[in-house]
Amino acid sequence: MYCLIRNHEQHIAILVAVWIVCITIGPVSSSIQYTRETMPGAQYYDGKKLNIPISKEAGIKLIERWTHQAISSIMASIATQ
């Protein structure tokens, strides 16, 4: 129980420290004014969606990853029922 209380106290101390820093520093804003020409990734944006080119190998790895995630999600769903 002592470990849980100590951990809780550490979380509160961290939250208070972050709160103090946020109040001290204030809002952070970027001085960069982005335009269509200077915006990162703008060359891949057609007005509706990002179309980022990737290699065929990277595309295959991405589809494999999504497939594994889908199968894992289905298995987890079945296991919890």
C-alpha atoms as a PDB file:
ATOM      1  CA  MET A   1       0.000   0.000   0.000  1.00  0.00           C
ATOM      2  CA  TYR A   2       2.873   2.367   0.791  1.00  0.00           C
ATOM      3  CA  CYS A   3       4.202   1.902  -2.754  1.00  0.00           C
ATOM      4  CA  LEU A   4       0.837   2.947  -4.227  1.00  0.00           C
ATOM      5  CA  ILE A   5       0.607   6.026  -2.010  1.00  0.00           C
ATOM      6  CA  ARG A   6       4.160   7.058  -2.836  1.00  0.00           C
ATOM      7  CA  ASN A   7       3.508   6.560  -6.543  1.00  0.00           C
ATOM      8  CA  HIS A   8       0.343   8.667  -6.265  1.00  0.00           C
ATOM      9  CA  GLU A   9       2.283  11.427  -4.503  1.00  0.00           C
ATOM     10  CA  GLN A  10       4.881  11.403  -7.271  1.00  0.00           C
ATOM     11  CA  HIS A  11       2.165  11.744  -9.923  1.00  0.00           C
ATOM     12  CA  ILE A  12       0.654  14.715  -8.096  1.00  0.00           C
ATOM     13  CA  ALA A  13       4.088  16.338  -7.745  1.00  0.00           C
ATOM     14  CA  ILE A  14       4.731  15.922 -11.474  1.00  0.00           C
ATOM     15  CA  LEU A  15       1.329  17.386 -12.367  1.00  0.00           C
ATOM     16  CA  VAL A  16       1.916  20.387 -10.104  1.00  0.00           C
ATOM     17  CA  ALA A  17       5.368  20.943 -11.621  1.00  0.00           C
ATOM     18  CA  VAL A  18       3.971  20.822 -15.165  1.00  0.00           C
ATOM     19  CA  TRP A  19       1.173  23.205 -14.172  1.00  0.00           C
ATOM     20  CA  ILE A  20       3.675  25.688 -12.707  1.00  0.00           C
ATOM     21  CA  VAL A  21       5.844  25.532 -15.823  1.00  0.00           C
ATOM     22  CA  CYS A  22       2.813  26.111 -18.064  1.00  0.00           C
ATOM     23  CA  ILE A  23       1.750  29.134 -16.043  1.00  0.00           C
ATOM     24  CA  THR A  24       5.291  30.538 -15.920  1.00  0.00           C
ATOM     25  CA  ILE A  25       6.094  30.126 -19.599  1.00  0.00           C
ATOM     26  CA  GLY A  26       2.621  30.876 -20.925  1.00  0.00           C
ATOM     27  CA  PRO A  27       1.251  29.839 -24.272  1.00  0.00           C
ATOM     28  CA  VAL A  28       3.797  28.897 -26.895  1.00  0.00           C
ATOM     29  CA  SER A  29       3.072  29.966 -30.435  1.00  0.00           C
ATOM     30  CA  SER A  30       5.014  29.471 -33.602  1.00  0.00           C
ATOM     31  CA  SER A  31       6.412  32.555 -35.261  1.00  0.00           C
ATOM     32  CA  ILE A  32       6.408  30.761 -38.622  1.00  0.00           C
ATOM     33  CA  GLN A  33       3.534  31.740 -40.885  1.00  0.00           C
ATOM     34  CA  TYR A  34       2.900  28.767 -43.130  1.00  0.00           C
ATOM     35  CA  THR A  35       1.787  29.246 -46.702  1.00  0.00           C
ATOM     36  CA  ARG A  36       1.022  26.677 -49.378  1.00  0.00           C
ATOM     37  CA  GLU A  37       4.674  26.822 -50.448  1.00  0.00           C
ATOM     38  CA  THR A  38       6.276  26.626 -46.982  1.00  0.00           C
ATOM     39  CA  MET A  39       3.947  24.148 -45.264  1.00  0.00           C
ATOM     40  CA  PRO A  40       5.671  20.806 -44.575  1.00  0.00           C
ATOM     41  CA  GLY A  41       4.116  18.108 -46.748  1.00  0.00           C
ATOM     42  CA  ALA A  42       2.191  20.585 -48.905  1.00  0.00           C
ATOM     43  CA  GLN A  43       3.429  18.978 -52.100  1.00  0.00           C
ATOM     44  CA  TYR A  44       1.522  15.812 -51.139  1.00  0.00           C
ATOM     45  CA  TYR A  45      -1.788  17.577 -50.385  1.00  0.00           C
ATOM     46  CA  ASP A  46      -4.303  17.872 -53.235  1.00  0.00           C
ATOM     47  CA  GLY A  47      -6.923  19.898 -51.377  1.00  0.00           C
ATOM     48  CA  LYS A  48      -8.804  16.909 -49.944  1.00  0.00           C
ATOM     49  CA  LYS A  49      -6.267  14.349 -48.809  1.00  0.00           C
ATOM     50  CA  LEU A  50      -2.583  13.621 -48.339  1.00  0.00           C
ATOM     51  CA  ASN A  51      -1.148  11.351 -51.005  1.00  0.00           C
ATOM     52  CA  ILE A  52       2.268  10.327 -49.696  1.00  0.00           C
ATOM     53  CA  PRO A  53       4.267   8.152 -52.078  1.00  0.00           C
ATOM     54  CA  ILE A  54       5.886   5.051 -50.568  1.00  0.00           C
ATOM     55  CA  SER A  55       7.809   2.199 -52.094  1.00  0.00           C
ATOM     56  CA  LYS A  56       6.113  -1.080 -53.005  1.00  0.00           C
ATOM     57  CA  GLU A  57       8.056  -2.864 -50.240  1.00  0.00           C
ATOM     58  CA  ALA A  58       6.919  -0.333 -47.642  1.00  0.00           C
ATOM     59  CA  GLY A  59       3.327  -0.696 -48.874  1.00  0.00           C
ATOM     60  CA  ILE A  60       3.493  -4.474 -48.492  1.00  0.00           C
ATOM     61  CA  LYS A  61       4.930  -4.155 -44.973  1.00  0.00           C
ATOM     62  CA  LEU A  62       2.186  -1.679 -44.066  1.00  0.00           C
ATOM     63  CA  ILE A  63      -0.567  -4.008 -45.308  1.00  0.00           C
ATOM     64  CA  GLU A  64       1.029  -6.933 -43.426  1.00  0.00           C
ATOM     65  CA  ARG A  65       1.127  -4.835 -40.256  1.00  0.00           C
ATOM     66  CA  TRP A  66      -2.541  -3.846 -40.631  1.00  0.00           C
ATOM     67  CA  THR A  67      -3.481  -7.487 -41.267  1.00  0.00           C
ATOM     68  CA  HIS A  68      -1.634  -8.654 -38.161  1.00  0.00           C
ATOM     69  CA  GLN A  69      -3.301  -5.922 -36.100  1.00  0.00           C
ATOM     70  CA  ALA A  70      -6.734  -6.929 -37.433  1.00  0.00           C
ATOM     71  CA  ILE A  71      -6.185 -10.610 -36.646  1.00  0.00           C
ATOM     72  CA  SER A  72      -4.865  -9.729 -33.198  1.00  0.00           C
ATOM     73  CA  SER A  73      -7.924  -7.568 -32.506  1.00  0.00           C
ATOM     74  CA  ILE A  74     -10.296 -10.328 -33.589  1.00  0.00           C
ATOM     75  CA  MET A  75      -8.478 -12.889 -31.429  1.00  0.00           C
ATOM     76  CA  ALA A  76      -8.568 -10.552 -28.418  1.00  0.00           C
ATOM     77  CA  SER A  77     -12.266  -9.914 -28.952  1.00  0.00           C
ATOM     78  CA  ILE A  78     -13.026 -13.636 -29.087  1.00  0.00           C
ATOM     79  CA  ALA A  79     -10.840 -14.337 -26.056  1.00  0.00           C
ATOM     80  CA  THR A  80     -12.657 -11.782 -23.898  1.00  0.00           C
ATOM     81  CA  GLN A  81     -16.102 -13.222 -24.660  1.00  0.00           C
END
